[in-house]
Amino acid sequence: MKIPTKEECYQFIHEMKTLDHIAAHSFQVCRVALAVTDLLKDSPAGVRVLLNRELVMASAMLHDITKTRSLKTRERHAETGAKYLHEKGFPEVADIVRQHVSLDNFSETSPVNEIEIVNYADKRVLHDKIATLEDRMNYIMERYGTSPEYIQRLHRIWEIAIAQENKIFKNISFPPDLLVQYLVPGQAASEFNAYKKWVLYNSSINAQ
């Protein structure tokens, strides 16, 4: 399995001219996804989940890789983001990105996997702030529920998101609304600042 490094993730985010607020959102999603991963791997219930932390990190950082472009093109950014990363040579990351809006399959009894974690983490971040699942899904419904067909699809996504949350937190010793207390303070902001420093440094190198 080939997974992009953090620096490669920065490069792709910059290459796609990602707007700052979308990059900030992505780093916050990454923060949540890694916290969930670590909590599951060290679950007090004794459930030793086999999760690839590097795969979660890269996929969360890159889940909105074509989102900025989609604001103009109206493309389905989950699909085109997956295509972009597949062409870069990262098929496993591409598959997670493709499913970050809607899962291909969901089972309440199978072990939690990286796809579900990134999908769920995205639904816990509203812009660049941690939100409840209800607040995030209400926002999505208000913004994207533009037709009866799409409203029906969003309701199905919401139902699965609730089931995902129950599945994940069944193996964690506190309820979902306390997740923010277990996140590393300032981690997302630090990541965003590191990314901006990377951009400045590489821009100055390329200008020489």
C-alpha atoms as a PDB file:
ATOM      1  CA  MET A   1       0.000   0.000   0.000  1.00  0.00           C
ATOM      2  CA  LYS A   2       1.273   3.435  -0.959  1.00  0.00           C
ATOM      3  CA  ILE A   3       0.288   6.367   1.297  1.00  0.00           C
ATOM      4  CA  PRO A   4       1.287  10.000   0.685  1.00  0.00           C
ATOM      5  CA  THR A   5       3.478  11.636   3.300  1.00  0.00           C
ATOM      6  CA  LYS A   6       2.284  14.729   5.137  1.00  0.00           C
ATOM      7  CA  GLU A   7       4.486  16.870   2.866  1.00  0.00           C
ATOM      8  CA  GLU A   8       2.943  15.251  -0.206  1.00  0.00           C
ATOM      9  CA  CYS A   9      -0.512  15.998   1.216  1.00  0.00           C
ATOM     10  CA  TYR A  10       0.529  19.639   1.602  1.00  0.00           C
ATOM     11  CA  GLN A  11       1.781  19.605  -1.984  1.00  0.00           C
ATOM     12  CA  PHE A  12      -1.501  18.241  -3.344  1.00  0.00           C
ATOM     13  CA  ILE A  13      -3.585  20.708  -1.318  1.00  0.00           C
ATOM     14  CA  HIS A  14      -1.478  23.578  -2.650  1.00  0.00           C
ATOM     15  CA  GLU A  15      -1.404  22.173  -6.174  1.00  0.00           C
ATOM     16  CA  MET A  16      -5.199  22.173  -6.277  1.00  0.00           C
ATOM     17  CA  LYS A  17      -5.296  25.827  -5.118  1.00  0.00           C
ATOM     18  CA  THR A  18      -7.340  24.844  -2.083  1.00  0.00           C
ATOM     19  CA  LEU A  19      -9.017  27.772  -0.366  1.00  0.00           C
ATOM     20  CA  ASP A  20      -7.755  28.401   3.155  1.00  0.00           C
ATOM     21  CA  HIS A  21     -11.099  27.695   4.806  1.00  0.00           C
ATOM     22  CA  ILE A  22     -11.349  24.348   3.037  1.00  0.00           C
ATOM     23  CA  ALA A  23      -7.792  23.460   4.045  1.00  0.00           C
ATOM     24  CA  ALA A  24      -8.613  24.432   7.655  1.00  0.00           C
ATOM     25  CA  HIS A  25     -11.701  22.220   7.523  1.00  0.00           C
ATOM     26  CA  SER A  26      -9.621  19.318   6.217  1.00  0.00           C
ATOM     27  CA  PHE A  27      -7.041  19.628   8.982  1.00  0.00           C
ATOM     28  CA  GLN A  28      -9.817  19.694  11.582  1.00  0.00           C
ATOM     29  CA  VAL A  29     -11.380  16.566  10.062  1.00  0.00           C
ATOM     30  CA  CYS A  30      -7.953  14.955  10.256  1.00  0.00           C
ATOM     31  CA  ARG A  31      -7.718  15.891  13.933  1.00  0.00           C
ATOM     32  CA  VAL A  32     -11.064  14.204  14.668  1.00  0.00           C
ATOM     33  CA  ALA A  33     -10.298  11.151  12.543  1.00  0.00           C
ATOM     34  CA  LEU A  34      -6.958  10.533  14.260  1.00  0.00           C
ATOM     35  CA  ALA A  35      -8.521  10.954  17.708  1.00  0.00           C
ATOM     36  CA  VAL A  36     -11.212   8.396  16.881  1.00  0.00           C
ATOM     37  CA  THR A  37      -8.576   6.051  15.471  1.00  0.00           C
ATOM     38  CA  ASP A  38      -6.446   6.276  18.607  1.00  0.00           C
ATOM     39  CA  LEU A  39      -9.435   5.854  20.913  1.00  0.00           C
ATOM     40  CA  LEU A  40     -10.575   2.741  19.080  1.00  0.00           C
ATOM     41  CA  LYS A  41      -7.108   1.214  19.015  1.00  0.00           C
ATOM     42  CA  ASP A  42      -6.842   1.709  22.797  1.00  0.00           C
ATOM     43  CA  SER A  43     -10.456   0.971  23.617  1.00  0.00           C
ATOM     44  CA  PRO A  44     -11.045   0.166  27.302  1.00  0.00           C
ATOM     45  CA  ALA A  45     -13.541  -2.421  26.116  1.00  0.00           C
ATOM     46  CA  GLY A  46     -10.552  -4.409  24.910  1.00  0.00           C
ATOM     47  CA  VAL A  47     -11.398  -4.114  21.234  1.00  0.00           C
ATOM     48  CA  ARG A  48      -8.037  -3.953  19.480  1.00  0.00           C
ATOM     49  CA  VAL A  49      -8.993  -2.494  16.133  1.00  0.00           C
ATOM     50  CA  LEU A  50      -6.520  -2.944  13.298  1.00  0.00           C
ATOM     51  CA  LEU A  51      -6.409   0.515  11.784  1.00  0.00           C
ATOM     52  CA  ASN A  52      -3.775   2.178   9.617  1.00  0.00           C
ATOM     53  CA  ARG A  53      -3.204   5.562  11.234  1.00  0.00           C
ATOM     54  CA  GLU A  54      -1.159   6.930   8.318  1.00  0.00           C
ATOM     55  CA  LEU A  55      -3.922   5.963   5.893  1.00  0.00           C
ATOM     56  CA  VAL A  56      -6.501   7.749   8.052  1.00  0.00           C
ATOM     57  CA  MET A  57      -4.319  10.867   8.304  1.00  0.00           C
ATOM     58  CA  ALA A  58      -3.664  11.196   4.574  1.00  0.00           C
ATOM     59  CA  SER A  59      -7.245  10.403   3.568  1.00  0.00           C
ATOM     60  CA  ALA A  60      -8.691  12.905   6.043  1.00  0.00           C
ATOM     61  CA  MET A  61      -6.302  15.660   4.934  1.00  0.00           C
ATOM     62  CA  LEU A  62      -7.138  15.031   1.283  1.00  0.00           C
ATOM     63  CA  HIS A  63     -10.848  14.231   1.463  1.00  0.00           C
ATOM     64  CA  ASP A  64     -11.801  17.629  -0.039  1.00  0.00           C
ATOM     65  CA  ILE A  65      -8.901  17.818  -2.485  1.00  0.00           C
ATOM     66  CA  THR A  66     -11.111  18.901  -5.441  1.00  0.00           C
ATOM     67  CA  LYS A  67     -13.669  20.796  -3.341  1.00  0.00           C
ATOM     68  CA  THR A  68     -12.322  24.250  -4.254  1.00  0.00           C
ATOM     69  CA  ARG A  69     -12.518  23.473  -7.969  1.00  0.00           C
ATOM     70  CA  SER A  70     -16.007  22.024  -7.546  1.00  0.00           C
ATOM     71  CA  LEU A  71     -17.330  25.371  -6.345  1.00  0.00           C
ATOM     72  CA  LYS A  72     -17.018  26.531  -9.962  1.00  0.00           C
ATOM     73  CA  THR A  73     -17.434  23.310 -11.905  1.00  0.00           C
ATOM     74  CA  ARG A  74     -20.185  21.748  -9.741  1.00  0.00           C
ATOM     75  CA  GLU A  75     -18.407  18.422 -10.109  1.00  0.00           C
ATOM     76  CA  ARG A  76     -18.952  15.730  -7.492  1.00  0.00           C
ATOM     77  CA  HIS A  77     -15.842  16.350  -5.473  1.00  0.00           C
ATOM     78  CA  ALA A  78     -15.818  12.953  -3.755  1.00  0.00           C
ATOM     79  CA  GLU A  79     -15.630  11.246  -7.139  1.00  0.00           C
ATOM     80  CA  THR A  80     -13.179  13.634  -8.775  1.00  0.00           C
ATOM     81  CA  GLY A  81     -11.038  13.756  -5.652  1.00  0.00           C
ATOM     82  CA  ALA A  82     -10.777   9.981  -5.807  1.00  0.00           C
ATOM     83  CA  LYS A  83      -9.859  10.146  -9.499  1.00  0.00           C
ATOM     84  CA  TYR A  84      -7.157  12.727  -8.776  1.00  0.00           C
ATOM     85  CA  LEU A  85      -5.567  10.602  -6.060  1.00  0.00           C
ATOM     86  CA  HIS A  86      -5.857   7.398  -8.066  1.00  0.00           C
ATOM     87  CA  GLU A  87      -3.944   9.072 -10.878  1.00  0.00           C
ATOM     88  CA  LYS A  88      -1.314  10.126  -8.326  1.00  0.00           C
ATOM     89  CA  GLY A  89      -0.832   6.452  -7.451  1.00  0.00           C
ATOM     90  CA  PHE A  90      -2.731   6.215  -4.159  1.00  0.00           C
ATOM     91  CA  PRO A  91      -5.706   3.885  -4.796  1.00  0.00           C
ATOM     92  CA  GLU A  92      -6.445   3.099  -1.136  1.00  0.00           C
ATOM     93  CA  VAL A  93      -6.565   6.785  -0.220  1.00  0.00           C
ATOM     94  CA  ALA A  94      -8.648   7.431  -3.323  1.00  0.00           C
ATOM     95  CA  ASP A  95     -11.233   4.853  -2.247  1.00  0.00           C
ATOM     96  CA  ILE A  96     -11.639   6.490   1.171  1.00  0.00           C
ATOM     97  CA  VAL A  97     -11.958   9.937  -0.396  1.00  0.00           C
ATOM     98  CA  ARG A  98     -14.577   8.605  -2.814  1.00  0.00           C
ATOM     99  CA  GLN A  99     -16.681   7.422   0.118  1.00  0.00           C
ATOM    100  CA  HIS A 100     -16.281  10.382   2.461  1.00  0.00           C
ATOM    101  CA  VAL A 101     -19.747  11.704   1.590  1.00  0.00           C
ATOM    102  CA  SER A 102     -21.629   8.452   1.175  1.00  0.00           C
ATOM    103  CA  LEU A 103     -20.497   4.912   2.020  1.00  0.00           C
ATOM    104  CA  ASP A 104     -20.764   2.134  -0.537  1.00  0.00           C
ATOM    105  CA  ASN A 105     -21.702  -0.328   2.194  1.00  0.00           C
ATOM    106  CA  PHE A 106     -22.270  -0.166   5.920  1.00  0.00           C
ATOM    107  CA  SER A 107     -22.502  -2.963   8.459  1.00  0.00           C
ATOM    108  CA  GLU A 108     -23.233  -2.393  12.123  1.00  0.00           C
ATOM    109  CA  THR A 109     -21.474  -5.634  13.070  1.00  0.00           C
ATOM    110  CA  SER A 110     -18.229  -5.466  11.081  1.00  0.00           C
ATOM    111  CA  PRO A 111     -15.099  -3.852  12.626  1.00  0.00           C
ATOM    112  CA  VAL A 112     -14.818  -0.092  12.223  1.00  0.00           C
ATOM    113  CA  ASN A 113     -12.559   0.693   9.264  1.00  0.00           C
ATOM    114  CA  GLU A 114     -10.653   3.703   7.929  1.00  0.00           C
ATOM    115  CA  ILE A 115     -13.384   4.560   5.430  1.00  0.00           C
ATOM    116  CA  GLU A 116     -15.997   4.845   8.170  1.00  0.00           C
ATOM    117  CA  ILE A 117     -13.721   6.903  10.397  1.00  0.00           C
ATOM    118  CA  VAL A 118     -12.981   9.554   7.749  1.00  0.00           C
ATOM    119  CA  ASN A 119     -16.625   9.618   6.661  1.00  0.00           C
ATOM    120  CA  TYR A 120     -17.751  10.119  10.267  1.00  0.00           C
ATOM    121  CA  ALA A 121     -15.040  12.675  11.104  1.00  0.00           C
ATOM    122  CA  ASP A 122     -16.135  14.837   8.172  1.00  0.00           C
ATOM    123  CA  LYS A 123     -19.649  14.825   9.591  1.00  0.00           C
ATOM    124  CA  ARG A 124     -18.391  16.101  12.949  1.00  0.00           C
ATOM    125  CA  VAL A 125     -16.755  19.237  11.535  1.00  0.00           C
ATOM    126  CA  LEU A 126     -18.802  22.244  10.462  1.00  0.00           C
ATOM    127  CA  HIS A 127     -16.505  24.582   8.536  1.00  0.00           C
ATOM    128  CA  ASP A 128     -13.456  24.382  10.839  1.00  0.00           C
ATOM    129  CA  LYS A 129     -15.272  23.782  14.150  1.00  0.00           C
ATOM    130  CA  ILE A 130     -16.207  20.577  15.940  1.00  0.00           C
ATOM    131  CA  ALA A 131     -19.983  20.086  15.806  1.00  0.00           C
ATOM    132  CA  THR A 132     -22.519  17.523  16.883  1.00  0.00           C
ATOM    133  CA  LEU A 133     -23.672  15.127  14.215  1.00  0.00           C
ATOM    134  CA  GLU A 134     -27.128  16.712  14.349  1.00  0.00           C
ATOM    135  CA  ASP A 135     -25.842  20.252  13.806  1.00  0.00           C
ATOM    136  CA  ARG A 136     -23.622  19.185  10.913  1.00  0.00           C
ATOM    137  CA  MET A 137     -26.336  17.174   9.209  1.00  0.00           C
ATOM    138  CA  ASN A 138     -28.880  19.964   9.656  1.00  0.00           C
ATOM    139  CA  TYR A 139     -26.435  22.301   7.926  1.00  0.00           C
ATOM    140  CA  ILE A 140     -25.955  19.851   5.060  1.00  0.00           C
ATOM    141  CA  MET A 141     -29.706  19.396   4.706  1.00  0.00           C
ATOM    142  CA  GLU A 142     -30.328  23.160   4.600  1.00  0.00           C
ATOM    143  CA  ARG A 143     -27.537  23.826   2.113  1.00  0.00           C
ATOM    144  CA  TYR A 144     -27.809  20.849  -0.225  1.00  0.00           C
ATOM    145  CA  GLY A 145     -31.394  19.641   0.125  1.00  0.00           C
ATOM    146  CA  THR A 146     -32.470  21.298  -3.115  1.00  0.00           C
ATOM    147  CA  SER A 147     -34.699  18.577  -4.547  1.00  0.00           C
ATOM    148  CA  PRO A 148     -36.950  15.788  -3.207  1.00  0.00           C
ATOM    149  CA  GLU A 149     -34.535  13.184  -4.585  1.00  0.00           C
ATOM    150  CA  TYR A 150     -31.530  14.743  -2.922  1.00  0.00           C
ATOM    151  CA  ILE A 151     -33.385  15.273   0.356  1.00  0.00           C
ATOM    152  CA  GLN A 152     -34.208  11.569   0.362  1.00  0.00           C
ATOM    153  CA  ARG A 153     -30.547  10.730  -0.272  1.00  0.00           C
ATOM    154  CA  LEU A 154     -29.426  13.043   2.544  1.00  0.00           C
ATOM    155  CA  HIS A 155     -31.887  11.445   4.956  1.00  0.00           C
ATOM    156  CA  ARG A 156     -30.369   8.042   4.132  1.00  0.00           C
ATOM    157  CA  ILE A 157     -26.846   9.412   4.679  1.00  0.00           C
ATOM    158  CA  TRP A 158     -28.025  10.852   8.013  1.00  0.00           C
ATOM    159  CA  GLU A 159     -29.486   7.501   9.117  1.00  0.00           C
ATOM    160  CA  ILE A 160     -26.227   5.739   8.332  1.00  0.00           C
ATOM    161  CA  ALA A 161     -24.218   8.467  10.089  1.00  0.00           C
ATOM    162  CA  ILE A 162     -26.208   7.898  13.284  1.00  0.00           C
ATOM    163  CA  ALA A 163     -25.611   4.156  13.014  1.00  0.00           C
ATOM    164  CA  GLN A 164     -21.900   4.833  12.425  1.00  0.00           C
ATOM    165  CA  GLU A 165     -21.679   7.015  15.500  1.00  0.00           C
ATOM    166  CA  ASN A 166     -23.350   4.336  17.620  1.00  0.00           C
ATOM    167  CA  LYS A 167     -21.008   1.692  16.212  1.00  0.00           C
ATOM    168  CA  ILE A 168     -17.881   3.758  16.878  1.00  0.00           C
ATOM    169  CA  PHE A 169     -18.785   4.912  20.367  1.00  0.00           C
ATOM    170  CA  LYS A 170     -19.959   1.482  21.451  1.00  0.00           C
ATOM    171  CA  ASN A 171     -16.242   0.803  21.942  1.00  0.00           C
ATOM    172  CA  ILE A 172     -15.351   4.179  23.505  1.00  0.00           C
ATOM    173  CA  SER A 173     -15.910   4.959  27.162  1.00  0.00           C
ATOM    174  CA  PHE A 174     -17.661   8.333  26.695  1.00  0.00           C
ATOM    175  CA  PRO A 175     -20.516   9.673  24.540  1.00  0.00           C
ATOM    176  CA  PRO A 176     -19.994  11.439  21.195  1.00  0.00           C
ATOM    177  CA  ASP A 177     -20.706  14.920  22.526  1.00  0.00           C
ATOM    178  CA  LEU A 178     -17.630  14.684  24.790  1.00  0.00           C
ATOM    179  CA  LEU A 179     -15.237  13.918  21.943  1.00  0.00           C
ATOM    180  CA  VAL A 180     -13.936  17.478  21.817  1.00  0.00           C
ATOM    181  CA  GLN A 181     -12.549  17.075  25.348  1.00  0.00           C
ATOM    182  CA  TYR A 182     -10.279  14.288  24.121  1.00  0.00           C
ATOM    183  CA  LEU A 183      -8.827  16.152  21.164  1.00  0.00           C
ATOM    184  CA  VAL A 184      -5.336  17.641  21.272  1.00  0.00           C
ATOM    185  CA  PRO A 185      -5.893  21.415  21.764  1.00  0.00           C
ATOM    186  CA  GLY A 186      -4.763  23.564  18.854  1.00  0.00           C
ATOM    187  CA  GLN A 187      -3.736  20.590  16.724  1.00  0.00           C
ATOM    188  CA  ALA A 188      -5.740  21.607  13.647  1.00  0.00           C
ATOM    189  CA  ALA A 189      -4.521  25.231  13.839  1.00  0.00           C
ATOM    190  CA  SER A 190      -0.924  24.032  14.199  1.00  0.00           C
ATOM    191  CA  GLU A 191      -1.329  21.812  11.153  1.00  0.00           C
ATOM    192  CA  PHE A 192      -2.779  24.676   9.135  1.00  0.00           C
ATOM    193  CA  ASN A 193       0.112  26.941  10.165  1.00  0.00           C
ATOM    194  CA  ALA A 194       2.625  24.236   9.257  1.00  0.00           C
ATOM    195  CA  TYR A 195       0.979  23.922   5.859  1.00  0.00           C
ATOM    196  CA  LYS A 196       1.124  27.694   5.257  1.00  0.00           C
ATOM    197  CA  LYS A 197       4.804  27.749   6.253  1.00  0.00           C
ATOM    198  CA  TRP A 198       5.432  24.886   3.835  1.00  0.00           C
ATOM    199  CA  VAL A 199       3.735  26.876   1.056  1.00  0.00           C
ATOM    200  CA  LEU A 200       5.794  29.993   1.799  1.00  0.00           C
ATOM    201  CA  TYR A 201       9.057  28.064   1.975  1.00  0.00           C
ATOM    202  CA  ASN A 202       8.483  26.148  -1.251  1.00  0.00           C
ATOM    203  CA  SER A 203       7.233  29.221  -3.051  1.00  0.00           C
ATOM    204  CA  SER A 204      10.433  31.050  -2.135  1.00  0.00           C
ATOM    205  CA  ILE A 205      12.577  28.095  -3.269  1.00  0.00           C
ATOM    206  CA  ASN A 206      10.748  27.900  -6.607  1.00  0.00           C
ATOM    207  CA  ALA A 207      11.124  31.654  -7.099  1.00  0.00           C
ATOM    208  CA  GLN A 208      14.912  31.472  -6.895  1.00  0.00           C
END
